[in-house]
Each structure stands twice: as C-alpha cells, then as structure tokens.
Protein backbone atom coordinates (compact mmCIF):
# COMPACT_ATOMS: atom_id res chain seq x y z
CA MET A 1 16.69 46.83 46.13
CA LEU A 2 15.21 45.21 43.00
CA ASN A 3 11.78 46.57 43.95
CA SER A 4 12.98 50.09 44.66
CA ARG A 5 12.41 53.08 42.42
CA ILE A 6 15.61 55.01 41.94
CA ILE A 7 15.98 58.77 41.64
CA LEU A 8 19.18 59.94 39.99
CA CYS A 9 20.70 63.13 41.41
CA GLY A 10 22.56 64.85 38.59
CA TYR A 11 22.04 63.90 34.95
CA SER A 12 25.04 65.03 32.92
CA GLY A 13 28.61 63.80 32.59
CA HIS A 14 29.08 61.20 35.32
CA GLY A 15 25.32 61.05 35.81
CA LEU A 16 24.95 59.57 32.32
CA VAL A 17 27.36 56.78 33.30
CA VAL A 18 25.31 56.02 36.41
CA ALA A 19 22.08 56.07 34.40
CA ASP A 20 23.59 53.64 31.90
CA ALA A 21 24.58 51.21 34.68
CA ILE A 22 21.05 51.33 36.09
CA ASN A 23 19.62 50.84 32.60
CA GLU A 24 21.77 47.71 32.20
CA SER A 25 20.50 46.29 35.53
CA ASP A 26 17.10 45.01 36.66
CA LEU A 27 16.34 48.29 38.39
CA LEU A 28 13.72 50.98 37.83
CA LEU A 29 15.00 54.51 37.29
CA GLN A 30 12.07 56.73 38.24
CA GLY A 31 13.57 60.00 37.02
CA TYR A 32 16.20 62.59 37.83
CA ILE A 33 16.67 65.75 39.81
CA ASP A 34 18.99 68.54 38.69
CA LEU A 35 19.24 72.31 38.68
CA GLU A 36 17.40 72.35 35.35
CA LYS A 37 15.74 70.07 32.84
CA LYS A 38 18.34 68.60 30.48
CA GLU A 39 18.04 68.86 26.69
CA LYS A 40 20.29 65.81 26.36
CA ASN A 41 18.16 62.94 27.68
CA PRO A 42 19.32 59.69 26.02
CA PHE A 43 17.48 57.48 28.51
CA GLY A 44 14.19 59.37 28.29
CA LEU A 45 14.07 60.10 32.01
CA GLN A 46 11.42 62.20 33.70
CA TYR A 47 12.60 65.49 35.19
CA LEU A 48 11.40 65.64 38.80
CA GLY A 49 12.71 69.10 39.73
CA THR A 50 15.52 70.16 42.04
CA GLU A 51 16.38 68.67 45.41
CA ASN A 52 14.71 71.68 47.05
CA ASN A 53 11.32 71.39 45.33
CA LEU A 54 11.07 67.61 44.98
CA SER A 55 7.67 66.29 46.02
CA ASP A 56 7.47 64.93 49.57
CA MET A 57 6.34 61.54 48.26
CA PHE A 58 9.80 60.88 46.82
CA TRP A 59 11.52 61.08 50.22
CA LYS A 60 9.78 57.90 51.37
CA GLU A 61 9.89 54.24 50.37
CA PRO A 62 10.00 52.74 47.80
CA TYR A 63 12.11 55.61 46.42
CA ASN A 64 15.88 55.60 46.81
CA PHE A 65 18.62 57.94 45.63
CA ILE A 66 21.93 57.57 43.82
CA ILE A 67 24.14 60.59 43.15
CA GLY A 68 25.50 61.06 39.63
CA ILE A 69 28.01 63.81 40.42
CA GLY A 70 31.75 63.26 40.10
CA ASP A 71 32.90 66.24 42.17
CA ASN A 72 33.59 65.07 45.73
CA ALA A 73 32.53 68.28 47.49
CA LEU A 74 29.21 68.57 45.64
CA ARG A 75 28.50 64.86 46.04
CA SER A 76 29.15 65.01 49.79
CA LYS A 77 26.94 68.08 50.23
CA LEU A 78 24.06 66.49 48.32
CA ALA A 79 24.38 63.19 50.20
CA SER A 80 24.14 65.02 53.53
CA MET A 81 21.06 66.91 52.38
CA ILE A 82 19.33 63.73 51.19
CA CYS A 83 19.98 61.96 54.48
CA LYS A 84 18.76 64.94 56.52
CA LYS A 85 15.48 64.90 54.58
CA GLY A 86 15.05 61.21 55.31
CA GLY A 87 15.95 59.96 51.84
CA GLN A 88 17.73 56.65 51.39
CA LEU A 89 20.96 56.36 49.41
CA ILE A 90 21.64 53.06 47.67
CA SER A 91 24.69 51.65 45.93
CA ILE A 92 24.69 50.84 42.22
CA PHE A 93 27.01 48.31 40.55
CA HIS A 94 27.33 47.93 36.79
CA PRO A 95 26.52 44.30 35.85
CA SER A 96 30.06 43.75 34.50
CA VAL A 97 31.85 44.38 37.81
CA CYS A 98 33.82 41.67 39.63
CA ILE A 99 33.45 42.16 43.38
CA SER A 100 34.70 39.65 45.94
CA LYS A 101 32.04 38.16 48.17
CA ILE A 102 34.17 39.18 51.16
CA ALA A 103 34.53 42.83 50.15
CA THR A 104 32.41 45.49 51.87
CA ILE A 105 30.74 48.33 49.96
CA GLY A 106 29.08 51.28 51.72
CA ARG A 107 25.74 52.84 50.83
CA GLY A 108 25.53 55.47 48.12
CA THR A 109 28.61 54.14 46.32
CA PHE A 110 28.70 53.73 42.54
CA ILE A 111 30.87 51.05 40.94
CA SER A 112 31.24 51.43 37.18
CA ALA A 113 31.79 48.96 34.35
CA ASN A 114 34.64 46.43 34.42
CA VAL A 115 35.83 47.31 37.92
CA ILE A 116 37.62 44.60 39.92
CA ILE A 117 37.39 44.67 43.73
CA ASN A 118 39.30 41.88 45.44
CA PRO A 119 38.99 40.15 48.86
CA LEU A 120 38.74 42.09 52.12
CA VAL A 121 38.49 45.46 50.41
CA THR A 122 36.40 48.05 52.23
CA VAL A 123 34.80 50.88 50.25
CA SER A 124 32.95 53.34 52.47
CA GLU A 125 29.84 55.36 51.72
CA ASN A 126 29.29 57.78 48.84
CA CYS A 127 32.33 56.75 46.79
CA ILE A 128 32.89 56.36 43.05
CA ILE A 129 34.97 53.49 41.71
CA ASN A 130 35.08 54.41 38.06
CA THR A 131 35.38 52.43 34.85
CA GLY A 132 38.02 49.71 34.78
CA ALA A 133 39.64 50.52 38.13
CA ILE A 134 41.33 47.69 40.05
CA ILE A 135 41.19 47.65 43.85
CA GLU A 136 43.43 44.90 45.18
CA HIS A 137 43.16 42.87 48.39
CA GLU A 138 42.64 44.56 51.77
CA CYS A 139 42.49 48.13 50.49
CA GLU A 140 40.48 50.60 52.56
CA ILE A 141 38.74 53.46 50.78
CA LEU A 142 37.13 55.94 53.14
CA ALA A 143 34.05 58.09 52.59
CA ASN A 144 33.44 60.27 49.56
CA VAL A 145 36.46 59.16 47.53
CA HIS A 146 36.58 59.13 43.72
CA ILE A 147 38.80 56.51 42.07
CA ALA A 148 38.97 57.55 38.39
CA PRO A 149 38.94 55.24 35.34
CA GLY A 150 41.78 52.77 35.00
CA ALA A 151 43.40 53.51 38.36
CA VAL A 152 45.13 50.61 40.13
CA LEU A 153 45.41 50.32 43.90
CA ALA A 154 47.77 47.50 44.89
CA GLY A 155 47.12 45.55 48.08
CA ASN A 156 46.65 47.17 51.50
CA VAL A 157 46.37 50.73 50.18
CA GLN A 158 44.40 53.20 52.30
CA VAL A 159 42.72 56.27 50.78
CA GLY A 160 41.43 58.99 53.12
CA GLU A 161 38.14 60.84 52.98
CA ASN A 162 37.35 63.17 50.07
CA SER A 163 40.43 62.20 48.06
CA PHE A 164 40.64 61.86 44.28
CA ILE A 165 42.81 59.26 42.54
CA GLY A 166 43.27 60.25 38.89
CA ALA A 167 42.77 58.15 35.78
CA ASN A 168 45.38 55.45 35.09
CA SER A 169 47.32 56.25 38.24
CA ILE A 170 49.05 53.46 40.18
CA ILE A 171 49.32 53.31 43.96
CA LYS A 172 52.02 51.02 45.36
CA GLN A 173 51.11 48.28 47.82
CA GLY A 174 50.78 49.44 51.42
CA VAL A 175 50.73 53.18 50.67
CA LYS A 176 48.56 55.37 52.90
CA ILE A 177 46.94 58.39 51.26
CA GLY A 178 45.49 61.09 53.52
CA LYS A 179 42.21 62.96 53.23
CA ASN A 180 41.53 65.69 50.65
CA VAL A 181 44.41 64.46 48.47
CA ILE A 182 44.46 64.80 44.68
CA VAL A 183 46.57 62.34 42.69
CA GLY A 184 46.91 63.47 39.08
CA ALA A 185 46.15 61.26 36.08
CA GLY A 186 48.88 58.77 35.23
CA SER A 187 50.80 59.30 38.47
CA VAL A 188 52.75 56.52 40.19
CA VAL A 189 52.60 56.86 43.98
CA LEU A 190 55.35 55.01 45.86
CA ASN A 191 55.20 56.67 49.28
CA ASP A 192 52.60 57.76 51.84
CA ILE A 193 50.86 61.09 51.19
CA PRO A 194 49.77 63.40 54.04
CA ASP A 195 46.41 65.20 54.08
CA ASN A 196 45.59 68.02 51.65
CA LYS A 197 48.36 67.37 49.10
CA LYS A 198 48.41 67.36 45.29
CA ILE A 199 50.62 64.72 43.69
CA VAL A 200 51.56 64.28 40.02
CA GLY A 201 54.10 62.40 37.94
CA ASN A 202 56.15 59.21 37.92
CA PRO A 203 57.28 58.92 40.61
CA GLY A 204 54.59 61.07 42.19
CA LYS A 205 55.74 64.41 43.59
CA GLU A 206 53.94 67.20 45.41
CA ILE A 207 53.04 70.36 43.50
C-alpha cells in the first residue's frame, strides 16, 4: 500500500478528515474526484473530475480509492460503482490509532485519529470508525457502518449493515443492533435494536 497512489472520492466535510489522515501517513494522495472542483483546498490536491469522467488510467494499478463521504447510502453507492469499474478500495488508518494485531479490518474502511480497536474485533468493508471512538473486544461491525466521534461500543456488540452510531453514544456489552439503524448522538443503548429503527436518549428509546 505504501507504493500506491490514492484517489480521494469526496473532498469536503468528512473528506477533509480522510485527506488529513493520508497527509499524516507515508502515503501519496494523487488527487480527488467530486461533483465539482472545490474552492476550499487546504491540501492543494489536484481535481481529477467526477467518477463518471475519470480517465481510464486511474482505474488500474497503482491507483487505489478511499471514499471521503460520511453518508452511508452515498458511500455504499460509490463503493459499488468503483468496484464495478475495476477500481481497488483500500483502508486508511490515521497514524494515532491503536488497533489490536488480532482485529480484522475490511477494505475501504477509514479509521480516524485516536480510535481504539481491541482484540478480536471485526470491522467489515466500507466502514467509518470516526475520531476517538472505542471498539471493545469481540465486537462485529458489518458493512457500510458509520461509528461517529467519541462513540463507545462495549465488548461483544454487533452492528448491522448500513447503521449509524451517533457521536458520544454508548452501546452496552453484548447488544445486537440491526441493519439500517440510527442511534442518536449521546444515546445509551441497553437492549437489542431490530432493523430499521431510530433510537435516542438515555436510556435509548425508539422514535
């Protein structure tokens, strides 16, 4: 991966956080793709166009892609498009992270600054583990999940596909969260949550 040239998909908001992590690592950020060229360009990146008009050369080695979009639905759609075109998604970890050597991280996942991921955790593909989150032992995070800044998942928590765990929320040990679930910021989740629910508060309740 150290020899790869990385293309950032999305260069605003969360994309700036991803760009910063790459900038802090020994990795080469080739440029970015987005719907339009950005006026705010703190890292001086080259605009390469949109995903639909990107030159064919960028879909081959040594170019790889990381998605800088926080929205789960948009991130999932873009990841599928990249893979269908033959592009390769890679994972990016901020240098300050603490990840157990016996944790498993899927491709296309971004792990932000000061995250702690403990033993036997599994994080699937195309996830975001955002700034300062703590993922305790034996948690399982399925595809396309966003764990927001400061969230804490106690041991043996499972989070289903496409779910969002809000900033500074706490998930009790052993809780199973279904797919397409939204847990609001600051919530404390003590019980299992079925698919497609929205939970807020302390203790967390459905809305």
